């Protein structure tokens, strides 16, 4: 009866008390905390660094693609103008000539911004290809050659752990 009524250690449940070690205090250093909670190390993904081959297109396909891009750019610049024009008509009542000039200027600005976005996207694509080439050059030669050939063979360093038994042995408390 005394054991049941005796106060527990810091009010902790039995499971928690059993994990507390009174003889061996755990020491944490800044390195331990940084390794657990800090940013993880960089993981190399070789497939990411393999540059894609540019799709080969004929002149007709290129022209068709450029026409589609122009049509989309024009549609976006005009659709934004239509929504802005509705708001401006409600707010201000100006002369039609000044309103048309403003709309034409805004349309030119929007077309220019859309064209800049397309140029920027092309530059980003080229830069990513350059980074991929540099990353492929920095990979170890054994890994680079295996990925260039398309081999799926496993190196000694990348081998999986030894095979586990087919049937797992469990502790049986009744036998």
C-alpha atoms as a PDB file:
ATOM      1  CA  UNK A   1       0.000   0.000   0.000  1.00  0.00           C
ATOM      2  CA  UNK A   2       2.888   2.341   0.758  1.00  0.00           C
ATOM      3  CA  UNK A   3       4.373   1.705  -2.704  1.00  0.00           C
ATOM      4  CA  UNK A   4       1.139   2.632  -4.403  1.00  0.00           C
ATOM      5  CA  UNK A   5       0.754   5.801  -2.350  1.00  0.00           C
ATOM      6  CA  UNK A   6       4.427   6.847  -2.536  1.00  0.00           C
ATOM      7  CA  UNK A   7       4.932   9.894  -4.827  1.00  0.00           C
ATOM      8  CA  UNK A   8       6.442   9.061  -8.168  1.00  0.00           C
ATOM      9  CA  UNK A   9       9.693  10.562  -9.465  1.00  0.00           C
ATOM     10  CA  UNK A  10       8.778  14.060 -10.695  1.00  0.00           C
ATOM     11  CA  UNK A  11       5.276  12.839 -11.388  1.00  0.00           C
ATOM     12  CA  UNK A  12       6.498  11.010 -14.501  1.00  0.00           C
ATOM     13  CA  UNK A  13       4.792   7.831 -15.691  1.00  0.00           C
ATOM     14  CA  UNK A  14       6.575   4.483 -15.387  1.00  0.00           C
ATOM     15  CA  UNK A  15       7.485   4.412 -19.063  1.00  0.00           C
ATOM     16  CA  UNK A  16       9.174   7.791 -18.857  1.00  0.00           C
ATOM     17  CA  UNK A  17      10.914   6.935 -15.578  1.00  0.00           C
ATOM     18  CA  UNK A  18      12.371   3.796 -17.095  1.00  0.00           C
ATOM     19  CA  UNK A  19      14.004   5.799 -19.883  1.00  0.00           C
ATOM     20  CA  UNK A  20      15.566   8.323 -17.542  1.00  0.00           C
ATOM     21  CA  UNK A  21      19.116   7.385 -16.684  1.00  0.00           C
ATOM     22  CA  UNK A  22      20.281   8.577 -13.317  1.00  0.00           C
ATOM     23  CA  UNK A  23      23.878   7.399 -13.614  1.00  0.00           C
ATOM     24  CA  UNK A  24      24.790   8.496 -17.174  1.00  0.00           C
ATOM     25  CA  UNK A  25      23.624  12.026 -17.980  1.00  0.00           C
ATOM     26  CA  UNK A  26      23.390  12.749 -21.695  1.00  0.00           C
ATOM     27  CA  UNK A  27      25.621  15.587 -22.854  1.00  0.00           C
ATOM     28  CA  UNK A  28      24.633  17.640 -25.857  1.00  0.00           C
ATOM     29  CA  UNK A  29      27.035  19.856 -27.707  1.00  0.00           C
ATOM     30  CA  UNK A  30      26.382  22.545 -30.276  1.00  0.00           C
ATOM     31  CA  UNK A  31      27.611  20.178 -32.997  1.00  0.00           C
ATOM     32  CA  UNK A  32      25.111  17.507 -31.956  1.00  0.00           C
ATOM     33  CA  UNK A  33      22.236  19.947 -32.026  1.00  0.00           C
ATOM     34  CA  UNK A  34      23.364  21.407 -35.360  1.00  0.00           C
ATOM     35  CA  UNK A  35      23.653  17.963 -36.907  1.00  0.00           C
ATOM     36  CA  UNK A  36      20.161  17.023 -35.726  1.00  0.00           C
ATOM     37  CA  UNK A  37      18.306  20.270 -36.330  1.00  0.00           C
ATOM     38  CA  UNK A  38      20.473  22.065 -38.879  1.00  0.00           C
ATOM     39  CA  UNK A  39      20.218  22.000 -42.619  1.00  0.00           C
ATOM     40  CA  UNK A  40      20.999  18.602 -44.095  1.00  0.00           C
ATOM     41  CA  UNK A  41      23.954  17.951 -46.366  1.00  0.00           C
ATOM     42  CA  UNK A  42      23.652  18.251 -50.102  1.00  0.00           C
ATOM     43  CA  UNK A  43      22.494  15.099 -51.847  1.00  0.00           C
ATOM     44  CA  UNK A  44      23.716  14.503 -55.378  1.00  0.00           C
ATOM     45  CA  UNK A  45      21.064  13.474 -57.857  1.00  0.00           C
ATOM     46  CA  UNK A  46      23.014  12.636 -61.021  1.00  0.00           C
ATOM     47  CA  UNK A  47      19.921  12.319 -63.222  1.00  0.00           C
ATOM     48  CA  UNK A  48      19.175  15.959 -62.552  1.00  0.00           C
ATOM     49  CA  UNK A  49      22.509  17.025 -63.985  1.00  0.00           C
ATOM     50  CA  UNK A  50      22.114  15.231 -67.295  1.00  0.00           C
ATOM     51  CA  UNK A  51      21.249  17.978 -69.773  1.00  0.00           C
ATOM     52  CA  UNK A  52      18.251  17.416 -71.993  1.00  0.00           C
ATOM     53  CA  UNK A  53      18.719  17.399 -75.712  1.00  0.00           C
ATOM     54  CA  UNK A  54      16.914  20.232 -77.446  1.00  0.00           C
ATOM     55  CA  UNK A  55      13.961  19.029 -79.495  1.00  0.00           C
ATOM     56  CA  UNK A  56      14.731  19.272 -83.198  1.00  0.00           C
ATOM     57  CA  UNK A  57      11.976  21.178 -84.962  1.00  0.00           C
ATOM     58  CA  UNK A  58      11.505  22.088 -88.576  1.00  0.00           C
ATOM     59  CA  UNK A  59      11.062  25.681 -89.725  1.00  0.00           C
ATOM     60  CA  UNK A  60       7.315  25.196 -90.012  1.00  0.00           C
ATOM     61  CA  UNK A  61       7.065  23.952 -86.433  1.00  0.00           C
ATOM     62  CA  UNK A  62       9.208  26.850 -85.177  1.00  0.00           C
ATOM     63  CA  UNK A  63       7.078  29.389 -87.051  1.00  0.00           C
ATOM     64  CA  UNK A  64       3.894  27.796 -85.749  1.00  0.00           C
ATOM     65  CA  UNK A  65       5.256  27.898 -82.213  1.00  0.00           C
ATOM     66  CA  UNK A  66       6.241  31.566 -82.552  1.00  0.00           C
ATOM     67  CA  UNK A  67       2.777  32.421 -83.900  1.00  0.00           C
ATOM     68  CA  UNK A  68       1.151  30.680 -80.934  1.00  0.00           C
ATOM     69  CA  UNK A  69       3.408  32.585 -78.539  1.00  0.00           C
ATOM     70  CA  UNK A  70       2.518  35.875 -80.233  1.00  0.00           C
ATOM     71  CA  UNK A  71      -1.192  35.070 -80.099  1.00  0.00           C
ATOM     72  CA  UNK A  72      -0.993  34.215 -76.399  1.00  0.00           C
ATOM     73  CA  UNK A  73       1.049  37.339 -75.662  1.00  0.00           C
ATOM     74  CA  UNK A  74      -1.454  39.501 -77.559  1.00  0.00           C
ATOM     75  CA  UNK A  75      -4.414  37.862 -75.834  1.00  0.00           C
ATOM     76  CA  UNK A  76      -2.875  38.401 -72.383  1.00  0.00           C
ATOM     77  CA  UNK A  77      -2.007  42.027 -73.033  1.00  0.00           C
ATOM     78  CA  UNK A  78      -5.499  42.787 -74.364  1.00  0.00           C
ATOM     79  CA  UNK A  79      -7.349  40.870 -71.648  1.00  0.00           C
ATOM     80  CA  UNK A  80      -5.551  42.782 -68.922  1.00  0.00           C
ATOM     81  CA  UNK A  81      -6.396  46.030 -70.687  1.00  0.00           C
ATOM     82  CA  UNK A  82     -10.080  45.154 -70.841  1.00  0.00           C
ATOM     83  CA  UNK A  83     -10.299  44.609 -67.087  1.00  0.00           C
ATOM     84  CA  UNK A  84      -8.318  47.776 -66.369  1.00  0.00           C
ATOM     85  CA  UNK A  85     -10.457  49.801 -68.794  1.00  0.00           C
ATOM     86  CA  UNK A  86     -13.663  48.778 -67.006  1.00  0.00           C
ATOM     87  CA  UNK A  87     -12.251  49.957 -63.687  1.00  0.00           C
ATOM     88  CA  UNK A  88     -10.983  53.230 -65.166  1.00  0.00           C
ATOM     89  CA  UNK A  89     -14.347  54.004 -66.790  1.00  0.00           C
ATOM     90  CA  UNK A  90     -16.080  53.696 -63.453  1.00  0.00           C
ATOM     91  CA  UNK A  91     -13.556  55.837 -61.592  1.00  0.00           C
ATOM     92  CA  UNK A  92     -12.805  58.626 -64.048  1.00  0.00           C
ATOM     93  CA  UNK A  93     -14.642  60.123 -66.953  1.00  0.00           C
ATOM     94  CA  UNK A  94     -11.944  61.398 -69.290  1.00  0.00           C
ATOM     95  CA  UNK A  95     -11.780  62.299 -72.920  1.00  0.00           C
ATOM     96  CA  UNK A  96     -11.758  59.288 -75.216  1.00  0.00           C
ATOM     97  CA  UNK A  97      -8.504  60.372 -76.893  1.00  0.00           C
ATOM     98  CA  UNK A  98      -6.522  60.459 -73.626  1.00  0.00           C
ATOM     99  CA  UNK A  99      -8.085  57.191 -72.525  1.00  0.00           C
ATOM    100  CA  UNK A 100      -7.101  55.542 -75.801  1.00  0.00           C
ATOM    101  CA  UNK A 101      -3.546  56.855 -75.450  1.00  0.00           C
ATOM    102  CA  UNK A 102      -3.295  55.461 -71.926  1.00  0.00           C
ATOM    103  CA  UNK A 103      -4.648  52.112 -73.053  1.00  0.00           C
ATOM    104  CA  UNK A 104      -2.197  51.982 -75.960  1.00  0.00           C
ATOM    105  CA  UNK A 105       0.710  52.784 -73.620  1.00  0.00           C
ATOM    106  CA  UNK A 106      -0.392  50.145 -71.129  1.00  0.00           C
ATOM    107  CA  UNK A 107      -0.767  47.614 -73.922  1.00  0.00           C
ATOM    108  CA  UNK A 108       2.783  48.331 -75.099  1.00  0.00           C
ATOM    109  CA  UNK A 109       4.087  48.026 -71.545  1.00  0.00           C
ATOM    110  CA  UNK A 110       2.315  44.703 -71.007  1.00  0.00           C
ATOM    111  CA  UNK A 111       3.571  43.321 -74.325  1.00  0.00           C
ATOM    112  CA  UNK A 112       7.071  44.432 -73.382  1.00  0.00           C
ATOM    113  CA  UNK A 113       6.817  42.750 -69.969  1.00  0.00           C
ATOM    114  CA  UNK A 114       5.529  39.526 -71.502  1.00  0.00           C
ATOM    115  CA  UNK A 115       8.375  39.560 -74.009  1.00  0.00           C
ATOM    116  CA  UNK A 116      10.864  40.160 -71.189  1.00  0.00           C
ATOM    117  CA  UNK A 117       9.392  37.194 -69.301  1.00  0.00           C
ATOM    118  CA  UNK A 118       9.925  34.980 -72.334  1.00  0.00           C
ATOM    119  CA  UNK A 119      13.527  36.167 -72.748  1.00  0.00           C
ATOM    120  CA  UNK A 120      14.163  35.658 -69.041  1.00  0.00           C
ATOM    121  CA  UNK A 121      12.783  32.115 -69.209  1.00  0.00           C
ATOM    122  CA  UNK A 122      15.121  31.324 -72.104  1.00  0.00           C
ATOM    123  CA  UNK A 123      18.086  32.724 -70.167  1.00  0.00           C
ATOM    124  CA  UNK A 124      17.157  30.665 -67.106  1.00  0.00           C
ATOM    125  CA  UNK A 125      16.966  27.547 -69.259  1.00  0.00           C
ATOM    126  CA  UNK A 126      20.433  28.237 -70.719  1.00  0.00           C
ATOM    127  CA  UNK A 127      21.875  28.949 -67.268  1.00  0.00           C
ATOM    128  CA  UNK A 128      20.434  25.715 -65.874  1.00  0.00           C
ATOM    129  CA  UNK A 129      22.069  23.811 -68.731  1.00  0.00           C
ATOM    130  CA  UNK A 130      25.412  25.446 -67.888  1.00  0.00           C
ATOM    131  CA  UNK A 131      25.000  24.536 -64.222  1.00  0.00           C
ATOM    132  CA  UNK A 132      24.155  20.966 -65.224  1.00  0.00           C
ATOM    133  CA  UNK A 133      27.323  20.705 -67.298  1.00  0.00           C
ATOM    134  CA  UNK A 134      29.420  22.034 -64.400  1.00  0.00           C
ATOM    135  CA  UNK A 135      27.756  19.631 -61.971  1.00  0.00           C
ATOM    136  CA  UNK A 136      28.355  16.686 -64.300  1.00  0.00           C
ATOM    137  CA  UNK A 137      32.016  17.690 -64.486  1.00  0.00           C
ATOM    138  CA  UNK A 138      32.277  17.749 -60.701  1.00  0.00           C
ATOM    139  CA  UNK A 139      30.786  14.260 -60.258  1.00  0.00           C
ATOM    140  CA  UNK A 140      33.260  11.433 -59.670  1.00  0.00           C
ATOM    141  CA  UNK A 141      34.319   9.768 -62.922  1.00  0.00           C
ATOM    142  CA  UNK A 142      33.015   6.340 -61.925  1.00  0.00           C
ATOM    143  CA  UNK A 143      29.500   7.652 -61.295  1.00  0.00           C
ATOM    144  CA  UNK A 144      29.550   9.914 -64.354  1.00  0.00           C
ATOM    145  CA  UNK A 145      30.574   7.121 -66.716  1.00  0.00           C
ATOM    146  CA  UNK A 146      27.926   4.757 -65.390  1.00  0.00           C
ATOM    147  CA  UNK A 147      25.220   7.386 -65.910  1.00  0.00           C
ATOM    148  CA  UNK A 148      26.493   8.397 -69.355  1.00  0.00           C
ATOM    149  CA  UNK A 149      26.281   4.812 -70.568  1.00  0.00           C
ATOM    150  CA  UNK A 150      22.821   4.368 -69.103  1.00  0.00           C
ATOM    151  CA  UNK A 151      24.041   1.487 -66.944  1.00  0.00           C
ATOM    152  CA  UNK A 152      21.896   0.506 -64.024  1.00  0.00           C
ATOM    153  CA  UNK A 153      24.606  -1.634 -62.457  1.00  0.00           C
ATOM    154  CA  UNK A 154      25.139  -1.119 -58.766  1.00  0.00           C
ATOM    155  CA  UNK A 155      28.615  -0.089 -57.620  1.00  0.00           C
ATOM    156  CA  UNK A 156      30.209  -1.569 -54.507  1.00  0.00           C
ATOM    157  CA  UNK A 157      29.592   1.677 -52.625  1.00  0.00           C
ATOM    158  CA  UNK A 158      25.926   1.744 -53.597  1.00  0.00           C
ATOM    159  CA  UNK A 159      25.185  -1.876 -52.800  1.00  0.00           C
ATOM    160  CA  UNK A 160      22.090  -2.582 -50.746  1.00  0.00           C
ATOM    161  CA  UNK A 161      22.377  -4.019 -47.250  1.00  0.00           C
ATOM    162  CA  UNK A 162      22.590  -7.802 -46.915  1.00  0.00           C
ATOM    163  CA  UNK A 163      19.359  -9.655 -47.558  1.00  0.00           C
ATOM    164  CA  UNK A 164      17.043 -10.183 -44.646  1.00  0.00           C
ATOM    165  CA  UNK A 165      15.708 -13.630 -43.802  1.00  0.00           C
ATOM    166  CA  UNK A 166      12.459 -14.631 -45.475  1.00  0.00           C
ATOM    167  CA  UNK A 167      10.738 -15.315 -42.167  1.00  0.00           C
ATOM    168  CA  UNK A 168      11.220 -12.990 -39.259  1.00  0.00           C
ATOM    169  CA  UNK A 169      12.026 -14.590 -35.924  1.00  0.00           C
ATOM    170  CA  UNK A 170       9.867 -13.263 -33.118  1.00  0.00           C
ATOM    171  CA  UNK A 171      10.325 -13.687 -29.456  1.00  0.00           C
ATOM    172  CA  UNK A 172       7.640 -15.907 -28.069  1.00  0.00           C
ATOM    173  CA  UNK A 173       6.972 -15.435 -24.393  1.00  0.00           C
ATOM    174  CA  UNK A 174       4.842 -18.549 -24.141  1.00  0.00           C
ATOM    175  CA  UNK A 175       7.381 -21.148 -25.265  1.00  0.00           C
END
